[in-house]
Amino acid sequence: NNSIVDAASINTLRFKNKIMVTINKVVNMIAIWGVLNLLFTFEKNLGII
């Protein structure tokens, strides 16, 4: 019985880990996009582009 509980908790941890990694990737993508967007806007305002 104990091993079943252990397996379930390991699966839950793995699942939570996958969610965290996914959220992390999305946040990173949004952050990178935001920085690129800011740079583009900044350069446009300066008239470089």
PDB file of N, CA and C in Angstrom:
ATOM      1  N   ASN A   1       0.839  -1.207   0.000  1.00  0.00           N
ATOM      2  CA  ASN A   1       0.000   0.000   0.000  1.00  0.00           C
ATOM      3  C   ASN A   1       0.872   1.255   0.000  1.00  0.00           C
ATOM      4  N   ASN A   2       1.954   1.215   0.744  1.00  0.00           N
ATOM      5  CA  ASN A   2       2.842   2.364   0.831  1.00  0.00           C
ATOM      6  C   ASN A   2       3.441   2.714  -0.526  1.00  0.00           C
ATOM      7  N   SER A   3       3.833   1.679  -1.289  1.00  0.00           N
ATOM      8  CA  SER A   3       4.483   1.921  -2.572  1.00  0.00           C
ATOM      9  C   SER A   3       3.530   2.582  -3.566  1.00  0.00           C
ATOM     10  N   ILE A   4       2.241   2.288  -3.455  1.00  0.00           N
ATOM     11  CA  ILE A   4       1.246   2.908  -4.337  1.00  0.00           C
ATOM     12  C   ILE A   4       1.153   4.401  -4.036  1.00  0.00           C
ATOM     13  N   VAL A   5       1.146   4.727  -2.741  1.00  0.00           N
ATOM     14  CA  VAL A   5       1.083   6.134  -2.330  1.00  0.00           C
ATOM     15  C   VAL A   5       2.335   6.861  -2.818  1.00  0.00           C
ATOM     16  N   ASP A   6       3.506   6.217  -2.677  1.00  0.00           N
ATOM     17  CA  ASP A   6       4.762   6.815  -3.127  1.00  0.00           C
ATOM     18  C   ASP A   6       4.731   7.087  -4.630  1.00  0.00           C
ATOM     19  N   ALA A   7       4.254   6.102  -5.390  1.00  0.00           N
ATOM     20  CA  ALA A   7       4.184   6.256  -6.849  1.00  0.00           C
ATOM     21  C   ALA A   7       3.264   7.406  -7.216  1.00  0.00           C
ATOM     22  N   ALA A   8       2.150   7.516  -6.519  1.00  0.00           N
ATOM     23  CA  ALA A   8       1.197   8.587  -6.802  1.00  0.00           C
ATOM     24  C   ALA A   8       1.811   9.947  -6.494  1.00  0.00           C
ATOM     25  N   SER A   9       2.519  10.047  -5.375  1.00  0.00           N
ATOM     26  CA  SER A   9       3.103  11.334  -5.008  1.00  0.00           C
ATOM     27  C   SER A   9       4.235  11.706  -5.966  1.00  0.00           C
ATOM     28  N   ILE A  10       4.979  10.706  -6.449  1.00  0.00           N
ATOM     29  CA  ILE A  10       6.036  10.963  -7.429  1.00  0.00           C
ATOM     30  C   ILE A  10       5.418  11.472  -8.724  1.00  0.00           C
ATOM     31  N   ASN A  11       4.323  10.847  -9.156  1.00  0.00           N
ATOM     32  CA  ASN A  11       3.629  11.297 -10.368  1.00  0.00           C
ATOM     33  C   ASN A  11       3.112  12.718 -10.211  1.00  0.00           C
ATOM     34  N   THR A  12       2.580  13.031  -9.026  1.00  0.00           N
ATOM     35  CA  THR A  12       2.078  14.379  -8.759  1.00  0.00           C
ATOM     36  C   THR A  12       3.213  15.382  -8.826  1.00  0.00           C
ATOM     37  N   LEU A  13       4.353  15.034  -8.238  1.00  0.00           N
ATOM     38  CA  LEU A  13       5.520  15.919  -8.264  1.00  0.00           C
ATOM     39  C   LEU A  13       5.987  16.149  -9.698  1.00  0.00           C
ATOM     40  N   ARG A  14       6.038  15.067 -10.478  1.00  0.00           N
ATOM     41  CA  ARG A  14       6.452  15.191 -11.878  1.00  0.00           C
ATOM     42  C   ARG A  14       5.501  16.096 -12.645  1.00  0.00           C
ATOM     43  N   PHE A  15       4.208  15.924 -12.391  1.00  0.00           N
ATOM     44  CA  PHE A  15       3.194  16.717 -13.069  1.00  0.00           C
ATOM     45  C   PHE A  15       3.346  18.193 -12.712  1.00  0.00           C
ATOM     46  N   LYS A  16       3.531  18.467 -11.415  1.00  0.00           N
ATOM     47  CA  LYS A  16       3.726  19.849 -10.965  1.00  0.00           C
ATOM     48  C   LYS A  16       4.996  20.425 -11.583  1.00  0.00           C
ATOM     49  N   ASN A  17       6.030  19.602 -11.687  1.00  0.00           N
ATOM     50  CA  ASN A  17       7.295  20.041 -12.268  1.00  0.00           C
ATOM     51  C   ASN A  17       7.099  20.428 -13.727  1.00  0.00           C
ATOM     52  N   LYS A  18       6.340  19.607 -14.479  1.00  0.00           N
ATOM     53  CA  LYS A  18       6.062  19.898 -15.888  1.00  0.00           C
ATOM     54  C   LYS A  18       5.326  21.213 -16.019  1.00  0.00           C
ATOM     55  N   ILE A  19       4.348  21.437 -15.136  1.00  0.00           N
ATOM     56  CA  ILE A  19       3.569  22.676 -15.175  1.00  0.00           C
ATOM     57  C   ILE A  19       4.487  23.865 -14.900  1.00  0.00           C
ATOM     58  N   MET A  20       5.347  23.729 -13.886  1.00  0.00           N
ATOM     59  CA  MET A  20       6.260  24.816 -13.548  1.00  0.00           C
ATOM     60  C   MET A  20       7.196  25.132 -14.705  1.00  0.00           C
ATOM     61  N   VAL A  21       7.720  24.084 -15.354  1.00  0.00           N
ATOM     62  CA  VAL A  21       8.630  24.277 -16.484  1.00  0.00           C
ATOM     63  C   VAL A  21       7.903  24.982 -17.624  1.00  0.00           C
ATOM     64  N   THR A  22       6.667  24.563 -17.874  1.00  0.00           N
ATOM     65  CA  THR A  22       5.868  25.179 -18.942  1.00  0.00           C
ATOM     66  C   THR A  22       5.610  26.646 -18.642  1.00  0.00           C
ATOM     67  N   ILE A  23       5.201  26.939 -17.392  1.00  0.00           N
ATOM     68  CA  ILE A  23       4.945  28.325 -16.993  1.00  0.00           C
ATOM     69  C   ILE A  23       6.216  29.149 -17.150  1.00  0.00           C
ATOM     70  N   ASN A  24       7.346  28.560 -16.745  1.00  0.00           N
ATOM     71  CA  ASN A  24       8.639  29.226 -16.842  1.00  0.00           C
ATOM     72  C   ASN A  24       8.963  29.586 -18.285  1.00  0.00           C
ATOM     73  N   LYS A  25       8.738  28.626 -19.199  1.00  0.00           N
ATOM     74  CA  LYS A  25       9.003  28.870 -20.617  1.00  0.00           C
ATOM     75  C   LYS A  25       8.141  29.993 -21.149  1.00  0.00           C
ATOM     76  N   VAL A  26       6.856  29.975 -20.776  1.00  0.00           N
ATOM     77  CA  VAL A  26       5.925  31.009 -21.244  1.00  0.00           C
ATOM     78  C   VAL A  26       6.356  32.374 -20.715  1.00  0.00           C
ATOM     79  N   VAL A  27       6.691  32.429 -19.425  1.00  0.00           N
ATOM     80  CA  VAL A  27       7.120  33.697 -18.813  1.00  0.00           C
ATOM     81  C   VAL A  27       8.380  34.216 -19.508  1.00  0.00           C
ATOM     82  N   ASN A  28       9.331  33.309 -19.775  1.00  0.00           N
ATOM     83  CA  ASN A  28      10.559  33.707 -20.461  1.00  0.00           C
ATOM     84  C   ASN A  28      10.263  34.253 -21.842  1.00  0.00           C
ATOM     85  N   MET A  29       9.375  33.587 -22.578  1.00  0.00           N
ATOM     86  CA  MET A  29       9.017  34.035 -23.918  1.00  0.00           C
ATOM     87  C   MET A  29       8.381  35.419 -23.872  1.00  0.00           C
ATOM     88  N   ILE A  30       7.483  35.632 -22.908  1.00  0.00           N
ATOM     89  CA  ILE A  30       6.811  36.928 -22.771  1.00  0.00           C
ATOM     90  C   ILE A  30       7.841  38.002 -22.414  1.00  0.00           C
ATOM     91  N   ALA A  31       8.773  37.648 -21.522  1.00  0.00           N
ATOM     92  CA  ALA A  31       9.802  38.606 -21.105  1.00  0.00           C
ATOM     93  C   ALA A  31      10.681  38.993 -22.287  1.00  0.00           C
ATOM     94  N   ILE A  32      11.118  38.011 -23.060  1.00  0.00           N
ATOM     95  CA  ILE A  32      11.965  38.268 -24.228  1.00  0.00           C
ATOM     96  C   ILE A  32      11.207  39.117 -25.240  1.00  0.00           C
ATOM     97  N   TRP A  33       9.937  38.767 -25.480  1.00  0.00           N
ATOM     98  CA  TRP A  33       9.104  39.515 -26.421  1.00  0.00           C
ATOM     99  C   TRP A  33       8.951  40.957 -25.954  1.00  0.00           C
ATOM    100  N   GLY A  34       8.739  41.137 -24.652  1.00  0.00           N
ATOM    101  CA  GLY A  34       8.594  42.478 -24.088  1.00  0.00           C
ATOM    102  C   GLY A  34       9.846  43.315 -24.280  1.00  0.00           C
ATOM    103  N   VAL A  35      11.013  42.704 -24.049  1.00  0.00           N
ATOM    104  CA  VAL A  35      12.283  43.413 -24.206  1.00  0.00           C
ATOM    105  C   VAL A  35      12.491  43.799 -25.670  1.00  0.00           C
ATOM    106  N   LEU A  36      12.238  42.846 -26.581  1.00  0.00           N
ATOM    107  CA  LEU A  36      12.383  43.132 -28.010  1.00  0.00           C
ATOM    108  C   LEU A  36      11.439  44.251 -28.431  1.00  0.00           C
ATOM    109  N   ASN A  37      10.221  44.199 -27.925  1.00  0.00           N
ATOM    110  CA  ASN A  37       9.213  45.205 -28.241  1.00  0.00           C
ATOM    111  C   ASN A  37       9.662  46.583 -27.758  1.00  0.00           C
ATOM    112  N   LEU A  38      10.190  46.629 -26.530  1.00  0.00           N
ATOM    113  CA  LEU A  38      10.679  47.893 -25.972  1.00  0.00           C
ATOM    114  C   LEU A  38      11.823  48.444 -26.811  1.00  0.00           C
ATOM    115  N   LEU A  39      12.770  47.569 -27.179  1.00  0.00           N
ATOM    116  CA  LEU A  39      13.909  48.001 -27.993  1.00  0.00           C
ATOM    117  C   LEU A  39      13.431  48.555 -29.331  1.00  0.00           C
ATOM    118  N   PHE A  40      12.497  47.840 -29.938  1.00  0.00           N
ATOM    119  CA  PHE A  40      11.977  48.261 -31.240  1.00  0.00           C
ATOM    120  C   PHE A  40      11.306  49.630 -31.130  1.00  0.00           C
ATOM    121  N   THR A  41      10.477  49.800 -30.089  1.00  0.00           N
ATOM    122  CA  THR A  41       9.776  51.066 -29.876  1.00  0.00           C
ATOM    123  C   THR A  41      10.776  52.188 -29.624  1.00  0.00           C
ATOM    124  N   PHE A  42      11.792  51.900 -28.814  1.00  0.00           N
ATOM    125  CA  PHE A  42      12.822  52.875 -28.470  1.00  0.00           C
ATOM    126  C   PHE A  42      13.555  53.347 -29.723  1.00  0.00           C
ATOM    127  N   GLU A  43      13.958  52.387 -30.555  1.00  0.00           N
ATOM    128  CA  GLU A  43      14.684  52.726 -31.778  1.00  0.00           C
ATOM    129  C   GLU A  43      13.797  53.500 -32.745  1.00  0.00           C
ATOM    130  N   LYS A  44      12.508  53.128 -32.784  1.00  0.00           N
ATOM    131  CA  LYS A  44      11.569  53.833 -33.658  1.00  0.00           C
ATOM    132  C   LYS A  44      11.435  55.290 -33.222  1.00  0.00           C
ATOM    133  N   ASN A  45      11.363  55.485 -31.898  1.00  0.00           N
ATOM    134  CA  ASN A  45      11.222  56.836 -31.363  1.00  0.00           C
ATOM    135  C   ASN A  45      12.457  57.674 -31.649  1.00  0.00           C
ATOM    136  N   LEU A  46      13.617  57.042 -31.652  1.00  0.00           N
ATOM    137  CA  LEU A  46      14.853  57.769 -31.923  1.00  0.00           C
ATOM    138  C   LEU A  46      15.046  57.994 -33.416  1.00  0.00           C
ATOM    139  N   GLY A  47      14.256  57.290 -34.223  1.00  0.00           N
ATOM    140  CA  GLY A  47      14.350  57.463 -35.663  1.00  0.00           C
ATOM    141  C   GLY A  47      15.458  56.639 -36.283  1.00  0.00           C
ATOM    142  N   ILE A  48      15.928  55.611 -35.569  1.00  0.00           N
ATOM    143  CA  ILE A  48      16.985  54.754 -36.118  1.00  0.00           C
ATOM    144  C   ILE A  48      16.395  53.867 -37.218  1.00  0.00           C
ATOM    145  N   ILE A  49      15.174  53.391 -36.977  1.00  0.00           N
ATOM    146  CA  ILE A  49      14.516  52.531 -37.975  1.00  0.00           C
ATOM    147  C   ILE A  49      13.674  53.419 -38.895  1.00  0.00           C
TER     148      ILE A  49
END
